[in-house]
Amino acid sequence: MKSPSIWTVIGVVAAVIIAWFVIDAVFSLMWFVAKLVAVAVVAVIVFFVLRSLFRNRTGD
């Protein structure tokens, strides 16, 4: 095997390993953002439900 082809193989392996970690980080970040949005939506719904329940109880 020639020296340039060895460096090509090493470069490809390094690129795959780096890409693996980058994609893992991106998907982790996307999952965190999706959970954050879901929590915000549920919190808004619960807030309005509780507000309507307490408004009806006080007679306003």
PDB file of N, CA and C in Angstrom:
ATOM      1  N   MET A   1       0.836  -1.186   0.000  1.00  0.00           N
ATOM      2  CA  MET A   1       0.000   0.000   0.000  1.00  0.00           C
ATOM      3  C   MET A   1       0.876   1.242   0.000  1.00  0.00           C
ATOM      4  N   LYS A   2       0.521   2.207  -0.794  1.00  0.00           N
ATOM      5  CA  LYS A   2       1.283   3.446  -0.872  1.00  0.00           C
ATOM      6  C   LYS A   2       0.934   4.345   0.311  1.00  0.00           C
ATOM      7  N   SER A   3       1.811   5.258   0.627  1.00  0.00           N
ATOM      8  CA  SER A   3       1.621   6.160   1.760  1.00  0.00           C
ATOM      9  C   SER A   3       0.396   7.056   1.590  1.00  0.00           C
ATOM     10  N   PRO A   4       0.154   7.641   0.406  1.00  0.00           N
ATOM     11  CA  PRO A   4      -1.042   8.490   0.268  1.00  0.00           C
ATOM     12  C   PRO A   4      -2.348   7.715   0.480  1.00  0.00           C
ATOM     13  N   SER A   5      -2.410   6.460   0.080  1.00  0.00           N
ATOM     14  CA  SER A   5      -3.643   5.711   0.268  1.00  0.00           C
ATOM     15  C   SER A   5      -3.871   5.362   1.739  1.00  0.00           C
ATOM     16  N   ILE A   6      -2.804   5.195   2.502  1.00  0.00           N
ATOM     17  CA  ILE A   6      -2.952   4.959   3.951  1.00  0.00           C
ATOM     18  C   ILE A   6      -3.537   6.206   4.610  1.00  0.00           C
ATOM     19  N   TRP A   7      -3.016   7.374   4.213  1.00  0.00           N
ATOM     20  CA  TRP A   7      -3.540   8.608   4.783  1.00  0.00           C
ATOM     21  C   TRP A   7      -4.985   8.853   4.369  1.00  0.00           C
ATOM     22  N   THR A   8      -5.340   8.388   3.181  1.00  0.00           N
ATOM     23  CA  THR A   8      -6.729   8.513   2.735  1.00  0.00           C
ATOM     24  C   THR A   8      -7.643   7.663   3.602  1.00  0.00           C
ATOM     25  N   VAL A   9      -7.222   6.438   3.900  1.00  0.00           N
ATOM     26  CA  VAL A   9      -8.016   5.553   4.752  1.00  0.00           C
ATOM     27  C   VAL A   9      -8.128   6.128   6.157  1.00  0.00           C
ATOM     28  N   ILE A  10      -7.033   6.631   6.687  1.00  0.00           N
ATOM     29  CA  ILE A  10      -7.063   7.232   8.026  1.00  0.00           C
ATOM     30  C   ILE A  10      -7.975   8.462   8.030  1.00  0.00           C
ATOM     31  N   GLY A  11      -7.912   9.263   6.973  1.00  0.00           N
ATOM     32  CA  GLY A  11      -8.780  10.436   6.875  1.00  0.00           C
ATOM     33  C   GLY A  11     -10.250  10.072   6.808  1.00  0.00           C
ATOM     34  N   VAL A  12     -10.573   9.013   6.061  1.00  0.00           N
ATOM     35  CA  VAL A  12     -11.967   8.573   5.960  1.00  0.00           C
ATOM     36  C   VAL A  12     -12.467   8.072   7.307  1.00  0.00           C
ATOM     37  N   VAL A  13     -11.647   7.290   7.995  1.00  0.00           N
ATOM     38  CA  VAL A  13     -12.040   6.770   9.310  1.00  0.00           C
ATOM     39  C   VAL A  13     -12.235   7.929  10.296  1.00  0.00           C
ATOM     40  N   ALA A  14     -11.322   8.893  10.294  1.00  0.00           N
ATOM     41  CA  ALA A  14     -11.447  10.049  11.184  1.00  0.00           C
ATOM     42  C   ALA A  14     -12.699  10.858  10.853  1.00  0.00           C
ATOM     43  N   ALA A  15     -12.990  11.021   9.563  1.00  0.00           N
ATOM     44  CA  ALA A  15     -14.182  11.774   9.159  1.00  0.00           C
ATOM     45  C   ALA A  15     -15.457  11.082   9.625  1.00  0.00           C
ATOM     46  N   VAL A  16     -15.500   9.763   9.523  1.00  0.00           N
ATOM     47  CA  VAL A  16     -16.679   9.013   9.965  1.00  0.00           C
ATOM     48  C   VAL A  16     -16.852   9.134  11.469  1.00  0.00           C
ATOM     49  N   ILE A  17     -15.756   9.042  12.220  1.00  0.00           N
ATOM     50  CA  ILE A  17     -15.844   9.143  13.687  1.00  0.00           C
ATOM     51  C   ILE A  17     -16.297  10.535  14.103  1.00  0.00           C
ATOM     52  N   ILE A  18     -15.730  11.564  13.491  1.00  0.00           N
ATOM     53  CA  ILE A  18     -16.132  12.936  13.821  1.00  0.00           C
ATOM     54  C   ILE A  18     -17.591  13.174  13.444  1.00  0.00           C
ATOM     55  N   ALA A  19     -17.991  12.707  12.274  1.00  0.00           N
ATOM     56  CA  ALA A  19     -19.384  12.866  11.846  1.00  0.00           C
ATOM     57  C   ALA A  19     -20.333  12.151  12.800  1.00  0.00           C
ATOM     58  N   TRP A  20     -19.945  10.975  13.296  1.00  0.00           N
ATOM     59  CA  TRP A  20     -20.772  10.224  14.244  1.00  0.00           C
ATOM     60  C   TRP A  20     -21.053  11.062  15.492  1.00  0.00           C
ATOM     61  N   PHE A  21     -20.007  11.685  16.050  1.00  0.00           N
ATOM     62  CA  PHE A  21     -20.188  12.485  17.259  1.00  0.00           C
ATOM     63  C   PHE A  21     -20.970  13.771  16.980  1.00  0.00           C
ATOM     64  N   VAL A  22     -20.745  14.380  15.831  1.00  0.00           N
ATOM     65  CA  VAL A  22     -21.476  15.599  15.496  1.00  0.00           C
ATOM     66  C   VAL A  22     -22.967  15.303  15.332  1.00  0.00           C
ATOM     67  N   ILE A  23     -23.291  14.246  14.614  1.00  0.00           N
ATOM     68  CA  ILE A  23     -24.695  13.878  14.420  1.00  0.00           C
ATOM     69  C   ILE A  23     -25.346  13.495  15.741  1.00  0.00           C
ATOM     70  N   ASP A  24     -24.611  12.792  16.599  1.00  0.00           N
ATOM     71  CA  ASP A  24     -25.134  12.433  17.918  1.00  0.00           C
ATOM     72  C   ASP A  24     -25.450  13.687  18.733  1.00  0.00           C
ATOM     73  N   ALA A  25     -24.567  14.664  18.692  1.00  0.00           N
ATOM     74  CA  ALA A  25     -24.808  15.915  19.416  1.00  0.00           C
ATOM     75  C   ALA A  25     -25.990  16.674  18.833  1.00  0.00           C
ATOM     76  N   VAL A  26     -26.103  16.702  17.508  1.00  0.00           N
ATOM     77  CA  VAL A  26     -27.217  17.419  16.862  1.00  0.00           C
ATOM     78  C   VAL A  26     -28.550  16.769  17.214  1.00  0.00           C
ATOM     79  N   PHE A  27     -28.617  15.445  17.164  1.00  0.00           N
ATOM     80  CA  PHE A  27     -29.868  14.776  17.503  1.00  0.00           C
ATOM     81  C   PHE A  27     -30.204  14.922  18.979  1.00  0.00           C
ATOM     82  N   SER A  28     -29.200  14.919  19.851  1.00  0.00           N
ATOM     83  CA  SER A  28     -29.463  15.156  21.275  1.00  0.00           C
ATOM     84  C   SER A  28     -30.030  16.553  21.491  1.00  0.00           C
ATOM     85  N   LEU A  29     -29.473  17.535  20.792  1.00  0.00           N
ATOM     86  CA  LEU A  29     -29.964  18.901  20.911  1.00  0.00           C
ATOM     87  C   LEU A  29     -31.379  19.018  20.364  1.00  0.00           C
ATOM     88  N   MET A  30     -31.654  18.366  19.238  1.00  0.00           N
ATOM     89  CA  MET A  30     -33.001  18.397  18.668  1.00  0.00           C
ATOM     90  C   MET A  30     -34.007  17.737  19.612  1.00  0.00           C
ATOM     91  N   TRP A  31     -33.630  16.628  20.254  1.00  0.00           N
ATOM     92  CA  TRP A  31     -34.515  15.945  21.189  1.00  0.00           C
ATOM     93  C   TRP A  31     -34.795  16.844  22.393  1.00  0.00           C
ATOM     94  N   PHE A  32     -33.754  17.547  22.886  1.00  0.00           N
ATOM     95  CA  PHE A  32     -33.935  18.454  24.021  1.00  0.00           C
ATOM     96  C   PHE A  32     -34.891  19.587  23.654  1.00  0.00           C
ATOM     97  N   VAL A  33     -34.731  20.164  22.464  1.00  0.00           N
ATOM     98  CA  VAL A  33     -35.605  21.255  22.029  1.00  0.00           C
ATOM     99  C   VAL A  33     -37.044  20.752  21.864  1.00  0.00           C
ATOM    100  N   ALA A  34     -37.204  19.545  21.319  1.00  0.00           N
ATOM    101  CA  ALA A  34     -38.549  18.986  21.156  1.00  0.00           C
ATOM    102  C   ALA A  34     -39.213  18.769  22.515  1.00  0.00           C
ATOM    103  N   LYS A  35     -38.462  18.251  23.480  1.00  0.00           N
ATOM    104  CA  LYS A  35     -39.033  18.067  24.823  1.00  0.00           C
ATOM    105  C   LYS A  35     -39.378  19.409  25.448  1.00  0.00           C
ATOM    106  N   LEU A  36     -38.527  20.413  25.237  1.00  0.00           N
ATOM    107  CA  LEU A  36     -38.781  21.738  25.788  1.00  0.00           C
ATOM    108  C   LEU A  36     -40.052  22.335  25.203  1.00  0.00           C
ATOM    109  N   VAL A  37     -40.262  22.192  23.909  1.00  0.00           N
ATOM    110  CA  VAL A  37     -41.480  22.697  23.269  1.00  0.00           C
ATOM    111  C   VAL A  37     -42.704  21.950  23.794  1.00  0.00           C
ATOM    112  N   ALA A  38     -42.607  20.631  23.953  1.00  0.00           N
ATOM    113  CA  ALA A  38     -43.733  19.847  24.459  1.00  0.00           C
ATOM    114  C   ALA A  38     -44.095  20.271  25.881  1.00  0.00           C
ATOM    115  N   VAL A  39     -43.100  20.496  26.709  1.00  0.00           N
ATOM    116  CA  VAL A  39     -43.356  20.933  28.083  1.00  0.00           C
ATOM    117  C   VAL A  39     -44.006  22.312  28.084  1.00  0.00           C
ATOM    118  N   ALA A  40     -43.558  23.200  27.220  1.00  0.00           N
ATOM    119  CA  ALA A  40     -44.145  24.534  27.158  1.00  0.00           C
ATOM    120  C   ALA A  40     -45.603  24.479  26.715  1.00  0.00           C
ATOM    121  N   VAL A  41     -45.913  23.651  25.738  1.00  0.00           N
ATOM    122  CA  VAL A  41     -47.301  23.528  25.265  1.00  0.00           C
ATOM    123  C   VAL A  41     -48.196  22.977  26.365  1.00  0.00           C
ATOM    124  N   VAL A  42     -47.740  21.938  27.039  1.00  0.00           N
ATOM    125  CA  VAL A  42     -48.542  21.350  28.123  1.00  0.00           C
ATOM    126  C   VAL A  42     -48.706  22.347  29.266  1.00  0.00           C
ATOM    127  N   ALA A  43     -47.658  23.086  29.591  1.00  0.00           N
ATOM    128  CA  ALA A  43     -47.746  24.074  30.671  1.00  0.00           C
ATOM    129  C   ALA A  43     -48.752  25.165  30.338  1.00  0.00           C
ATOM    130  N   VAL A  44     -48.789  25.619  29.093  1.00  0.00           N
ATOM    131  CA  VAL A  44     -49.767  26.644  28.692  1.00  0.00           C
ATOM    132  C   VAL A  44     -51.184  26.095  28.790  1.00  0.00           C
ATOM    133  N   ILE A  45     -51.389  24.865  28.350  1.00  0.00           N
ATOM    134  CA  ILE A  45     -52.722  24.254  28.432  1.00  0.00           C
ATOM    135  C   ILE A  45     -53.158  24.116  29.884  1.00  0.00           C
ATOM    136  N   VAL A  46     -52.276  23.624  30.739  1.00  0.00           N
ATOM    137  CA  VAL A  46     -52.608  23.466  32.163  1.00  0.00           C
ATOM    138  C   VAL A  46     -52.877  24.825  32.797  1.00  0.00           C
ATOM    139  N   PHE A  47     -52.093  25.833  32.436  1.00  0.00           N
ATOM    140  CA  PHE A  47     -52.303  27.170  32.981  1.00  0.00           C
ATOM    141  C   PHE A  47     -53.699  27.686  32.664  1.00  0.00           C
ATOM    142  N   PHE A  48     -54.117  27.565  31.404  1.00  0.00           N
ATOM    143  CA  PHE A  48     -55.443  28.065  31.025  1.00  0.00           C
ATOM    144  C   PHE A  48     -56.560  27.231  31.645  1.00  0.00           C
ATOM    145  N   VAL A  49     -56.367  25.924  31.784  1.00  0.00           N
ATOM    146  CA  VAL A  49     -57.384  25.088  32.442  1.00  0.00           C
ATOM    147  C   VAL A  49     -57.526  25.474  33.905  1.00  0.00           C
ATOM    148  N   LEU A  50     -56.399  25.638  34.596  1.00  0.00           N
ATOM    149  CA  LEU A  50     -56.468  26.029  36.008  1.00  0.00           C
ATOM    150  C   LEU A  50     -57.060  27.426  36.166  1.00  0.00           C
ATOM    151  N   ARG A  51     -56.717  28.335  35.278  1.00  0.00           N
ATOM    152  CA  ARG A  51     -57.262  29.685  35.357  1.00  0.00           C
ATOM    153  C   ARG A  51     -58.764  29.688  35.159  1.00  0.00           C
ATOM    154  N   SER A  52     -59.247  28.868  34.227  1.00  0.00           N
ATOM    155  CA  SER A  52     -60.688  28.818  34.007  1.00  0.00           C
ATOM    156  C   SER A  52     -61.404  28.140  35.173  1.00  0.00           C
ATOM    157  N   LEU A  53     -60.777  27.138  35.783  1.00  0.00           N
ATOM    158  CA  LEU A  53     -61.393  26.483  36.941  1.00  0.00           C
ATOM    159  C   LEU A  53     -61.499  27.437  38.125  1.00  0.00           C
ATOM    160  N   PHE A  54     -60.448  28.172  38.413  1.00  0.00           N
ATOM    161  CA  PHE A  54     -60.483  29.096  39.545  1.00  0.00           C
ATOM    162  C   PHE A  54     -61.382  30.301  39.268  1.00  0.00           C
ATOM    163  N   ARG A  55     -61.472  30.725  38.020  1.00  0.00           N
ATOM    164  CA  ARG A  55     -62.355  31.834  37.681  1.00  0.00           C
ATOM    165  C   ARG A  55     -63.809  31.422  37.892  1.00  0.00           C
ATOM    166  N   ASN A  56     -64.169  30.173  37.544  1.00  0.00           N
ATOM    167  CA  ASN A  56     -65.542  29.713  37.717  1.00  0.00           C
ATOM    168  C   ASN A  56     -65.885  29.508  39.180  1.00  0.00           C
ATOM    169  N   ARG A  57     -64.931  29.121  39.999  1.00  0.00           N
ATOM    170  CA  ARG A  57     -65.205  28.892  41.416  1.00  0.00           C
ATOM    171  C   ARG A  57     -65.418  30.176  42.193  1.00  0.00           C
ATOM    172  N   THR A  58     -64.698  31.220  41.813  1.00  0.00           N
ATOM    173  CA  THR A  58     -64.829  32.475  42.571  1.00  0.00           C
ATOM    174  C   THR A  58     -66.072  33.261  42.162  1.00  0.00           C
ATOM    175  N   GLY A  59     -66.696  32.911  41.066  1.00  0.00           N
ATOM    176  CA  GLY A  59     -67.920  33.553  40.645  1.00  0.00           C
ATOM    177  C   GLY A  59     -67.711  34.813  39.830  1.00  0.00           C
ATOM    178  N   ASP A  60     -66.518  35.021  39.324  1.00  0.00           N
ATOM    179  CA  ASP A  60     -66.231  36.224  38.508  1.00  0.00           C
ATOM    180  C   ASP A  60     -66.799  36.090  37.127  1.00  0.00           C
TER     181      ASP A  60
END
